[in-house]
Amino acid sequence: MYVRTVLGFLRHVARQAGVVGGRGGAVAIVQRFGGALNLNVHVHVLAMDGVFAPLRYGRTVKRRQTVEWWQLMR
């Protein structure tokens, strides 16, 4: 659910900037055990900060926006 929310937000920001068809990407890994072999289920996520979109009309759009994590959870 977290990854879907982050990627959806990035697509939304890209659409507002005029990027149509932007797609994000992420890798998520479930870790089950801690360093002492104790049960500690949690998820590590590596997500792109932006989207890839088909190049149209020879123009690229680069826009970087800083967003705090709690703004993604609205």
C-alpha atoms as a PDB file:
ATOM      1  CA  MET A   1       0.000   0.000   0.000  1.00  0.00           C
ATOM      2  CA  TYR A   2       2.865   2.377   0.796  1.00  0.00           C
ATOM      3  CA  VAL A   3       4.550   1.827  -2.587  1.00  0.00           C
ATOM      4  CA  ARG A   4       1.258   2.305  -4.435  1.00  0.00           C
ATOM      5  CA  THR A   5       0.673   5.592  -2.591  1.00  0.00           C
ATOM      6  CA  VAL A   6       4.152   6.951  -3.334  1.00  0.00           C
ATOM      7  CA  LEU A   7       4.058   6.014  -7.025  1.00  0.00           C
ATOM      8  CA  GLY A   8       0.520   7.384  -7.391  1.00  0.00           C
ATOM      9  CA  PHE A   9       1.614  10.685  -5.893  1.00  0.00           C
ATOM     10  CA  LEU A  10       4.592  10.912  -8.265  1.00  0.00           C
ATOM     11  CA  ARG A  11       2.334  10.232 -11.273  1.00  0.00           C
ATOM     12  CA  HIS A  12      -0.072  12.915 -10.019  1.00  0.00           C
ATOM     13  CA  VAL A  13       2.730  15.502  -9.712  1.00  0.00           C
ATOM     14  CA  ALA A  14       4.008  14.551 -13.180  1.00  0.00           C
ATOM     15  CA  ARG A  15       0.535  14.994 -14.716  1.00  0.00           C
ATOM     16  CA  GLN A  16       0.319  18.458 -13.151  1.00  0.00           C
ATOM     17  CA  ALA A  17       3.660  19.285 -14.804  1.00  0.00           C
ATOM     18  CA  GLY A  18       2.299  18.149 -18.187  1.00  0.00           C
ATOM     19  CA  VAL A  19       3.929  14.708 -18.347  1.00  0.00           C
ATOM     20  CA  VAL A  20       1.374  12.244 -19.732  1.00  0.00           C
ATOM     21  CA  GLY A  21       1.855   8.511 -19.277  1.00  0.00           C
ATOM     22  CA  GLY A  22       4.569   8.753 -16.637  1.00  0.00           C
ATOM     23  CA  ARG A  23       5.457   5.533 -14.831  1.00  0.00           C
ATOM     24  CA  GLY A  24       7.361   5.120 -11.614  1.00  0.00           C
ATOM     25  CA  GLY A  25       9.286   2.208 -10.222  1.00  0.00           C
ATOM     26  CA  ALA A  26      10.189   0.679  -6.886  1.00  0.00           C
ATOM     27  CA  VAL A  27      11.725  -2.413  -5.337  1.00  0.00           C
ATOM     28  CA  ALA A  28      10.349  -3.727  -2.030  1.00  0.00           C
ATOM     29  CA  ILE A  29      11.914  -6.466   0.085  1.00  0.00           C
ATOM     30  CA  VAL A  30      10.331  -8.096   3.134  1.00  0.00           C
ATOM     31  CA  GLN A  31      12.832  -8.749   5.908  1.00  0.00           C
ATOM     32  CA  ARG A  32      11.634 -11.307   8.434  1.00  0.00           C
ATOM     33  CA  PHE A  33      14.422 -11.532  10.974  1.00  0.00           C
ATOM     34  CA  GLY A  34      16.640  -9.077  12.847  1.00  0.00           C
ATOM     35  CA  GLY A  35      20.377  -9.337  13.437  1.00  0.00           C
ATOM     36  CA  ALA A  36      19.934 -11.672  16.426  1.00  0.00           C
ATOM     37  CA  LEU A  37      17.593 -13.972  14.441  1.00  0.00           C
ATOM     38  CA  ASN A  38      14.641 -12.521  16.306  1.00  0.00           C
ATOM     39  CA  LEU A  39      11.303 -12.192  14.476  1.00  0.00           C
ATOM     40  CA  ASN A  40      11.176  -8.621  13.182  1.00  0.00           C
ATOM     41  CA  VAL A  41       9.019  -8.414  10.048  1.00  0.00           C
ATOM     42  CA  HIS A  42       9.434  -5.156   8.158  1.00  0.00           C
ATOM     43  CA  VAL A  43       9.758  -3.878   4.589  1.00  0.00           C
ATOM     44  CA  HIS A  44      12.628  -2.067   2.860  1.00  0.00           C
ATOM     45  CA  VAL A  45      11.633   0.048  -0.166  1.00  0.00           C
ATOM     46  CA  LEU A  46      13.797   1.708  -2.803  1.00  0.00           C
ATOM     47  CA  ALA A  47      11.643   4.036  -4.934  1.00  0.00           C
ATOM     48  CA  MET A  48      12.477   6.420  -7.760  1.00  0.00           C
ATOM     49  CA  ASP A  49      12.054  10.114  -7.105  1.00  0.00           C
ATOM     50  CA  GLY A  50      10.153  10.872 -10.290  1.00  0.00           C
ATOM     51  CA  VAL A  51       8.648   9.140 -13.319  1.00  0.00           C
ATOM     52  CA  PHE A  52       9.758   7.910 -16.717  1.00  0.00           C
ATOM     53  CA  ALA A  53       7.633   8.986 -19.675  1.00  0.00           C
ATOM     54  CA  PRO A  54       7.863   8.570 -23.446  1.00  0.00           C
ATOM     55  CA  LEU A  55       9.792  11.412 -25.044  1.00  0.00           C
ATOM     56  CA  ARG A  56       7.346  13.488 -27.079  1.00  0.00           C
ATOM     57  CA  TYR A  57       8.233  16.213 -29.537  1.00  0.00           C
ATOM     58  CA  GLY A  58      11.923  16.095 -28.589  1.00  0.00           C
ATOM     59  CA  ARG A  59      11.285  17.733 -25.219  1.00  0.00           C
ATOM     60  CA  THR A  60      12.063  16.519 -21.726  1.00  0.00           C
ATOM     61  CA  VAL A  61      10.501  17.782 -18.547  1.00  0.00           C
ATOM     62  CA  LYS A  62      12.661  17.883 -15.449  1.00  0.00           C
ATOM     63  CA  ARG A  63      11.021  18.951 -12.249  1.00  0.00           C
ATOM     64  CA  ARG A  64      12.122  18.190  -8.750  1.00  0.00           C
ATOM     65  CA  GLN A  65       9.857  18.818  -5.806  1.00  0.00           C
ATOM     66  CA  THR A  66      10.660  18.099  -2.194  1.00  0.00           C
ATOM     67  CA  VAL A  67       7.786  16.442  -0.361  1.00  0.00           C
ATOM     68  CA  GLU A  68       7.731  15.423   3.254  1.00  0.00           C
ATOM     69  CA  TRP A  69       6.602  11.866   4.020  1.00  0.00           C
ATOM     70  CA  TRP A  70       3.506  12.936   5.935  1.00  0.00           C
ATOM     71  CA  GLN A  71       2.213  14.814   2.860  1.00  0.00           C
ATOM     72  CA  LEU A  72       2.061  11.467   1.022  1.00  0.00           C
ATOM     73  CA  MET A  73      -0.212   9.937   3.654  1.00  0.00           C
ATOM     74  CA  ARG A  74      -3.149  12.322   3.243  1.00  0.00           C
END
